[in-house]
């Protein structure tokens, strides 16, 4: 018999000065036994760095036809497709064809750097793709703060991120490997 998932409750108070976005988000995440704390934190950061009233987690991390996180417009069209980890070219191209903007967040510095070196020439051709590396040290520090119920304050200014709870503060700069090219209206 498999192990049960732990239920984690988050209250994230987001102050994104760069985007003039200030909102509290509350949600629950199922922490499946094989998933690491670092992967959970990568999911939380991907959500927070793109926080929006229509941003939502999808059915799970292993679906073939959906991202981990997405944002749809009022018609149901996908505006933002967010992946966590080192995705393959086929999945990334499919995501780029279905969404206005795609972001891949990597979270394993060494293997992600090798992956990016291998994939960058192909991915650089995808104009609506961004690739961002999350620093492992910050992920480890945040993973040590995981509890069943969490209330965290996120502040983002000049792409610098501060995250705090009642006891600790962690700060970092996401590393932008590729930034999408904005569409002209």
Protein backbone atom coordinates (compact mmCIF):
# COMPACT_ATOMS: atom_id res chain seq x y z
CA UNK A 1 0.00 0.00 0.00
CA UNK A 2 1.38 3.44 -0.96
CA UNK A 3 2.06 6.27 1.42
CA UNK A 4 -0.52 8.99 1.77
CA UNK A 5 0.13 12.53 0.63
CA UNK A 6 0.69 15.21 3.24
CA UNK A 7 -1.59 18.19 2.84
CA UNK A 8 0.20 21.55 2.99
CA UNK A 9 -1.75 24.77 3.46
CA UNK A 10 -0.24 27.98 2.19
CA UNK A 11 -1.10 31.60 2.75
CA UNK A 12 1.13 33.70 0.51
CA UNK A 13 1.09 37.45 0.84
CA UNK A 14 2.60 38.70 -2.43
CA UNK A 15 4.01 42.21 -2.84
CA UNK A 16 5.39 42.33 -6.37
CA UNK A 17 6.60 45.89 -6.73
CA UNK A 18 7.93 45.24 -10.24
CA UNK A 19 4.43 44.39 -11.51
CA UNK A 20 2.45 46.54 -9.06
CA UNK A 21 0.71 43.40 -7.81
CA UNK A 22 -0.34 43.07 -4.16
CA UNK A 23 -2.52 40.14 -3.18
CA UNK A 24 -2.89 37.28 -0.74
CA UNK A 25 -3.21 33.77 -2.17
CA UNK A 26 -4.41 30.81 -0.13
CA UNK A 27 -4.25 27.26 -1.42
CA UNK A 28 -3.58 23.67 -0.50
CA UNK A 29 -0.96 21.40 -2.07
CA UNK A 30 -0.76 17.64 -1.78
CA UNK A 31 2.83 16.64 -1.01
CA UNK A 32 3.18 13.18 -2.56
CA UNK A 33 5.84 10.98 -0.87
CA UNK A 34 8.28 10.85 -3.82
CA UNK A 35 8.20 14.65 -4.26
CA UNK A 36 11.06 16.50 -2.57
CA UNK A 37 10.66 19.63 -0.49
CA UNK A 38 12.80 21.45 -3.05
CA UNK A 39 10.35 20.54 -5.83
CA UNK A 40 7.42 21.81 -3.74
CA UNK A 41 9.26 25.07 -3.15
CA UNK A 42 10.01 25.37 -6.88
CA UNK A 43 6.24 25.03 -7.52
CA UNK A 44 5.46 27.69 -4.89
CA UNK A 45 8.07 30.08 -6.29
CA UNK A 46 6.86 29.58 -9.87
CA UNK A 47 3.36 30.47 -8.71
CA UNK A 48 4.46 33.46 -6.65
CA UNK A 49 6.80 34.95 -9.26
CA UNK A 50 3.84 35.03 -11.68
CA UNK A 51 1.01 35.59 -9.20
CA UNK A 52 -2.23 36.69 -10.83
CA UNK A 53 -5.91 36.33 -9.95
CA UNK A 54 -6.38 33.74 -12.73
CA UNK A 55 -3.15 31.80 -12.15
CA UNK A 56 -3.92 28.25 -11.01
CA UNK A 57 -2.37 24.88 -10.35
CA UNK A 58 -3.55 22.18 -12.75
CA UNK A 59 -4.43 18.54 -12.01
CA UNK A 60 -0.93 17.54 -11.08
CA UNK A 61 2.75 17.49 -11.87
CA UNK A 62 2.67 14.44 -14.16
CA UNK A 63 0.01 15.33 -16.70
CA UNK A 64 1.03 15.07 -20.34
CA UNK A 65 -1.36 17.66 -21.73
CA UNK A 66 -1.27 20.37 -19.08
CA UNK A 67 1.44 22.39 -17.38
CA UNK A 68 2.02 22.41 -13.63
CA UNK A 69 0.58 25.94 -13.43
CA UNK A 70 -1.34 27.98 -15.95
CA UNK A 71 -3.23 31.18 -16.44
CA UNK A 72 -6.17 31.35 -18.81
CA UNK A 73 -7.98 34.40 -20.13
CA UNK A 74 -11.73 34.82 -19.77
CA UNK A 75 -12.33 32.85 -22.99
CA UNK A 76 -10.32 29.85 -21.74
CA UNK A 77 -7.29 30.50 -23.95
CA UNK A 78 -3.97 29.79 -22.23
CA UNK A 79 -2.05 33.00 -21.53
CA UNK A 80 0.73 31.51 -19.40
CA UNK A 81 2.05 27.93 -19.25
CA UNK A 82 4.52 27.17 -16.44
CA UNK A 83 6.69 24.06 -16.25
CA UNK A 84 8.93 22.97 -13.38
CA UNK A 85 12.14 21.12 -14.21
CA UNK A 86 13.96 20.13 -17.35
CA UNK A 87 11.35 19.65 -20.05
CA UNK A 88 12.02 18.10 -23.42
CA UNK A 89 11.92 19.93 -26.74
CA UNK A 90 8.70 18.29 -27.96
CA UNK A 91 6.71 19.24 -24.84
CA UNK A 92 8.18 22.75 -24.85
CA UNK A 93 7.32 23.35 -28.53
CA UNK A 94 3.78 22.09 -27.90
CA UNK A 95 3.43 24.43 -24.92
CA UNK A 96 4.73 27.38 -26.98
CA UNK A 97 2.18 26.64 -29.71
CA UNK A 98 -0.70 26.53 -27.21
CA UNK A 99 0.16 29.50 -24.98
CA UNK A 100 1.00 33.16 -25.34
CA UNK A 101 3.92 32.81 -22.89
CA UNK A 102 5.74 29.74 -21.54
CA UNK A 103 8.11 29.74 -18.57
CA UNK A 104 10.33 26.85 -17.54
CA UNK A 105 11.69 27.04 -13.99
CA UNK A 106 14.69 24.81 -13.34
CA UNK A 107 15.78 23.93 -9.82
CA UNK A 108 18.77 21.58 -10.06
CA UNK A 109 21.79 23.77 -10.72
CA UNK A 110 24.26 21.23 -12.12
CA UNK A 111 21.94 19.01 -14.15
CA UNK A 112 19.90 22.04 -15.24
CA UNK A 113 23.02 23.79 -16.51
CA UNK A 114 23.91 20.71 -18.57
CA UNK A 115 20.31 20.46 -19.83
CA UNK A 116 20.31 24.16 -20.80
CA UNK A 117 23.65 23.85 -22.60
CA UNK A 118 22.16 20.99 -24.65
CA UNK A 119 18.73 22.59 -25.31
CA UNK A 120 19.48 26.32 -25.51
CA UNK A 121 20.15 26.48 -29.25
CA UNK A 122 16.71 24.96 -29.95
CA UNK A 123 14.87 26.84 -27.22
CA UNK A 124 16.35 30.21 -28.18
CA UNK A 125 14.27 30.00 -31.39
CA UNK A 126 11.03 29.97 -29.38
CA UNK A 127 10.12 33.64 -29.02
CA UNK A 128 7.44 33.17 -26.34
CA UNK A 129 9.64 31.05 -24.04
CA UNK A 130 11.42 32.12 -20.85
CA UNK A 131 13.80 29.86 -18.93
CA UNK A 132 14.65 30.74 -15.33
CA UNK A 133 16.95 28.93 -12.92
CA UNK A 134 16.05 29.00 -9.22
CA UNK A 135 19.11 28.94 -6.91
CA UNK A 136 19.44 25.65 -5.03
CA UNK A 137 20.65 27.29 -1.80
CA UNK A 138 17.47 29.39 -1.56
CA UNK A 139 15.33 26.33 -2.39
CA UNK A 140 17.04 24.30 0.35
CA UNK A 141 16.60 27.12 2.89
CA UNK A 142 12.91 27.46 2.01
CA UNK A 143 12.36 23.68 2.04
CA UNK A 144 13.60 23.65 5.63
CA UNK A 145 10.74 26.07 6.45
CA UNK A 146 7.99 23.74 5.16
CA UNK A 147 5.30 22.98 7.70
CA UNK A 148 1.71 21.75 7.41
CA UNK A 149 0.43 25.33 7.59
CA UNK A 150 2.54 28.18 6.26
CA UNK A 151 2.07 31.92 6.14
CA UNK A 152 4.77 33.53 4.04
CA UNK A 153 5.39 37.09 2.88
CA UNK A 154 6.90 37.50 -0.60
CA UNK A 155 8.40 40.78 -1.75
CA UNK A 156 9.73 41.15 -5.28
CA UNK A 157 11.58 44.28 -6.39
CA UNK A 158 14.01 44.69 -9.29
CA UNK A 159 13.70 40.91 -9.78
CA UNK A 160 15.15 40.34 -6.29
CA UNK A 161 12.99 38.09 -4.11
CA UNK A 162 12.59 38.18 -0.32
CA UNK A 163 10.55 35.49 1.42
CA UNK A 164 9.86 35.53 5.13
CA UNK A 165 7.79 33.79 7.74
CA UNK A 166 7.70 34.62 11.45
CA UNK A 167 11.19 33.22 12.03
CA UNK A 168 13.36 33.57 8.94
CA UNK A 169 13.98 35.47 5.74
CA UNK A 170 15.44 34.02 2.56
CA UNK A 171 16.41 36.17 -0.40
CA UNK A 172 17.70 35.42 -3.88
CA UNK A 173 17.85 36.50 -7.50
CA UNK A 174 16.35 34.11 -10.07
CA UNK A 175 18.81 33.54 -12.92
CA UNK A 176 17.28 34.41 -16.29
CA UNK A 177 18.69 32.07 -18.95
CA UNK A 178 16.23 33.13 -21.64
CA UNK A 179 13.61 35.85 -21.63
CA UNK A 180 10.61 35.80 -23.95
CA UNK A 181 10.30 38.44 -26.64
CA UNK A 182 7.33 40.70 -26.02
CA UNK A 183 4.71 40.88 -28.74
CA UNK A 184 4.00 44.28 -30.22
CA UNK A 185 0.32 45.30 -30.13
